[in-house]
């Protein structure tokens, strides 16, 4: 069970909790891109190759962010 699945099963999660998780995941995404890009430059790897390797992970993160934003919207509407 992944982190977002755990969140949807909890009855006492608030929109604020989800907002904090979203912020942390966005920071992680940004750090992942930045650190990977810096490491690739030092290793003199081609940007195209690095981006191709990074895209699947970014897609997973973006998908999780979308789910969390939908959950946050649902929680905001229900309150």
C-alpha atoms as a PDB file:
ATOM      1  CA  UNK A   1       0.000   0.000   0.000  1.00  0.00           C
ATOM      2  CA  UNK A   2       1.490   3.346  -0.981  1.00  0.00           C
ATOM      3  CA  UNK A   3       1.380   6.616   0.946  1.00  0.00           C
ATOM      4  CA  UNK A   4      -1.629   8.058  -0.920  1.00  0.00           C
ATOM      5  CA  UNK A   5      -3.648   4.902  -0.382  1.00  0.00           C
ATOM      6  CA  UNK A   6      -2.983   5.128   3.338  1.00  0.00           C
ATOM      7  CA  UNK A   7      -4.197   8.702   3.316  1.00  0.00           C
ATOM      8  CA  UNK A   8      -7.492   7.874   1.680  1.00  0.00           C
ATOM      9  CA  UNK A   9      -8.288   5.238   4.288  1.00  0.00           C
ATOM     10  CA  UNK A  10      -7.875   7.627   7.210  1.00  0.00           C
ATOM     11  CA  UNK A  11     -11.080   9.263   8.425  1.00  0.00           C
ATOM     12  CA  UNK A  12      -9.500  12.040  10.453  1.00  0.00           C
ATOM     13  CA  UNK A  13      -7.180  13.626   7.887  1.00  0.00           C
ATOM     14  CA  UNK A  14      -7.705  17.330   7.293  1.00  0.00           C
ATOM     15  CA  UNK A  15      -7.211  19.526   4.260  1.00  0.00           C
ATOM     16  CA  UNK A  16      -4.297  21.110   6.141  1.00  0.00           C
ATOM     17  CA  UNK A  17      -2.635  17.699   6.546  1.00  0.00           C
ATOM     18  CA  UNK A  18      -2.962  17.071   2.827  1.00  0.00           C
ATOM     19  CA  UNK A  19      -1.600  20.557   2.057  1.00  0.00           C
ATOM     20  CA  UNK A  20       1.500  19.811   4.129  1.00  0.00           C
ATOM     21  CA  UNK A  21       2.050  16.515   2.333  1.00  0.00           C
ATOM     22  CA  UNK A  22       1.624  18.239  -1.033  1.00  0.00           C
ATOM     23  CA  UNK A  23       4.219  20.868  -0.078  1.00  0.00           C
ATOM     24  CA  UNK A  24       6.699  18.187   1.013  1.00  0.00           C
ATOM     25  CA  UNK A  25       6.180  16.176  -2.165  1.00  0.00           C
ATOM     26  CA  UNK A  26       6.624  19.293  -4.322  1.00  0.00           C
ATOM     27  CA  UNK A  27       9.884  20.058  -2.496  1.00  0.00           C
ATOM     28  CA  UNK A  28      11.043  16.477  -3.020  1.00  0.00           C
ATOM     29  CA  UNK A  29      10.248  16.707  -6.738  1.00  0.00           C
ATOM     30  CA  UNK A  30      12.159  19.954  -7.096  1.00  0.00           C
ATOM     31  CA  UNK A  31      15.141  18.598  -5.152  1.00  0.00           C
ATOM     32  CA  UNK A  32      15.167  15.395  -7.218  1.00  0.00           C
ATOM     33  CA  UNK A  33      15.309  17.336 -10.491  1.00  0.00           C
ATOM     34  CA  UNK A  34      17.926  19.760  -9.206  1.00  0.00           C
ATOM     35  CA  UNK A  35      20.233  17.162  -7.678  1.00  0.00           C
ATOM     36  CA  UNK A  36      19.925  14.809 -10.641  1.00  0.00           C
ATOM     37  CA  UNK A  37      20.701  17.618 -13.070  1.00  0.00           C
ATOM     38  CA  UNK A  38      23.720  18.755 -11.041  1.00  0.00           C
ATOM     39  CA  UNK A  39      25.054  15.218 -10.768  1.00  0.00           C
ATOM     40  CA  UNK A  40      24.583  14.640 -14.488  1.00  0.00           C
ATOM     41  CA  UNK A  41      26.522  17.817 -15.281  1.00  0.00           C
ATOM     42  CA  UNK A  42      29.411  16.719 -13.068  1.00  0.00           C
ATOM     43  CA  UNK A  43      29.399  13.285 -14.684  1.00  0.00           C
ATOM     44  CA  UNK A  44      29.156  14.932 -18.113  1.00  0.00           C
ATOM     45  CA  UNK A  45      26.084  12.937 -19.060  1.00  0.00           C
ATOM     46  CA  UNK A  46      23.802  14.063 -21.860  1.00  0.00           C
ATOM     47  CA  UNK A  47      20.762  15.945 -20.615  1.00  0.00           C
ATOM     48  CA  UNK A  48      18.449  13.986 -22.933  1.00  0.00           C
ATOM     49  CA  UNK A  49      19.514  10.677 -21.403  1.00  0.00           C
ATOM     50  CA  UNK A  50      19.149  11.971 -17.855  1.00  0.00           C
ATOM     51  CA  UNK A  51      15.720  13.416 -18.582  1.00  0.00           C
ATOM     52  CA  UNK A  52      14.584  10.134 -20.110  1.00  0.00           C
ATOM     53  CA  UNK A  53      15.607   8.269 -16.958  1.00  0.00           C
ATOM     54  CA  UNK A  54      14.011  10.873 -14.682  1.00  0.00           C
ATOM     55  CA  UNK A  55      10.658  11.196 -16.473  1.00  0.00           C
ATOM     56  CA  UNK A  56       9.025   7.992 -15.135  1.00  0.00           C
ATOM     57  CA  UNK A  57       9.760   9.001 -11.545  1.00  0.00           C
ATOM     58  CA  UNK A  58       8.481  12.522 -12.152  1.00  0.00           C
ATOM     59  CA  UNK A  59       5.314  11.098 -13.684  1.00  0.00           C
ATOM     60  CA  UNK A  60       4.693   9.051 -10.510  1.00  0.00           C
ATOM     61  CA  UNK A  61       5.230  12.117  -8.342  1.00  0.00           C
ATOM     62  CA  UNK A  62       2.952  14.246 -10.529  1.00  0.00           C
ATOM     63  CA  UNK A  63       0.265  11.573 -10.378  1.00  0.00           C
ATOM     64  CA  UNK A  64       0.477  11.427  -6.587  1.00  0.00           C
ATOM     65  CA  UNK A  65       0.310  15.226  -6.413  1.00  0.00           C
ATOM     66  CA  UNK A  66      -2.794  15.235  -8.585  1.00  0.00           C
ATOM     67  CA  UNK A  67      -4.483  12.654  -6.346  1.00  0.00           C
ATOM     68  CA  UNK A  68      -3.573  14.623  -3.246  1.00  0.00           C
ATOM     69  CA  UNK A  69      -4.888  17.866  -4.735  1.00  0.00           C
ATOM     70  CA  UNK A  70      -8.159  16.128  -5.598  1.00  0.00           C
ATOM     71  CA  UNK A  71      -8.369  14.787  -2.060  1.00  0.00           C
ATOM     72  CA  UNK A  72      -7.630  18.238  -0.674  1.00  0.00           C
ATOM     73  CA  UNK A  73     -10.395  19.740  -2.802  1.00  0.00           C
ATOM     74  CA  UNK A  74     -12.844  17.072  -1.598  1.00  0.00           C
ATOM     75  CA  UNK A  75     -11.924  17.727   2.011  1.00  0.00           C
ATOM     76  CA  UNK A  76     -12.284  21.481   1.536  1.00  0.00           C
ATOM     77  CA  UNK A  77     -15.732  21.063  -0.018  1.00  0.00           C
ATOM     78  CA  UNK A  78     -16.938  18.754   2.733  1.00  0.00           C
ATOM     79  CA  UNK A  79     -15.959  21.192   5.486  1.00  0.00           C
END
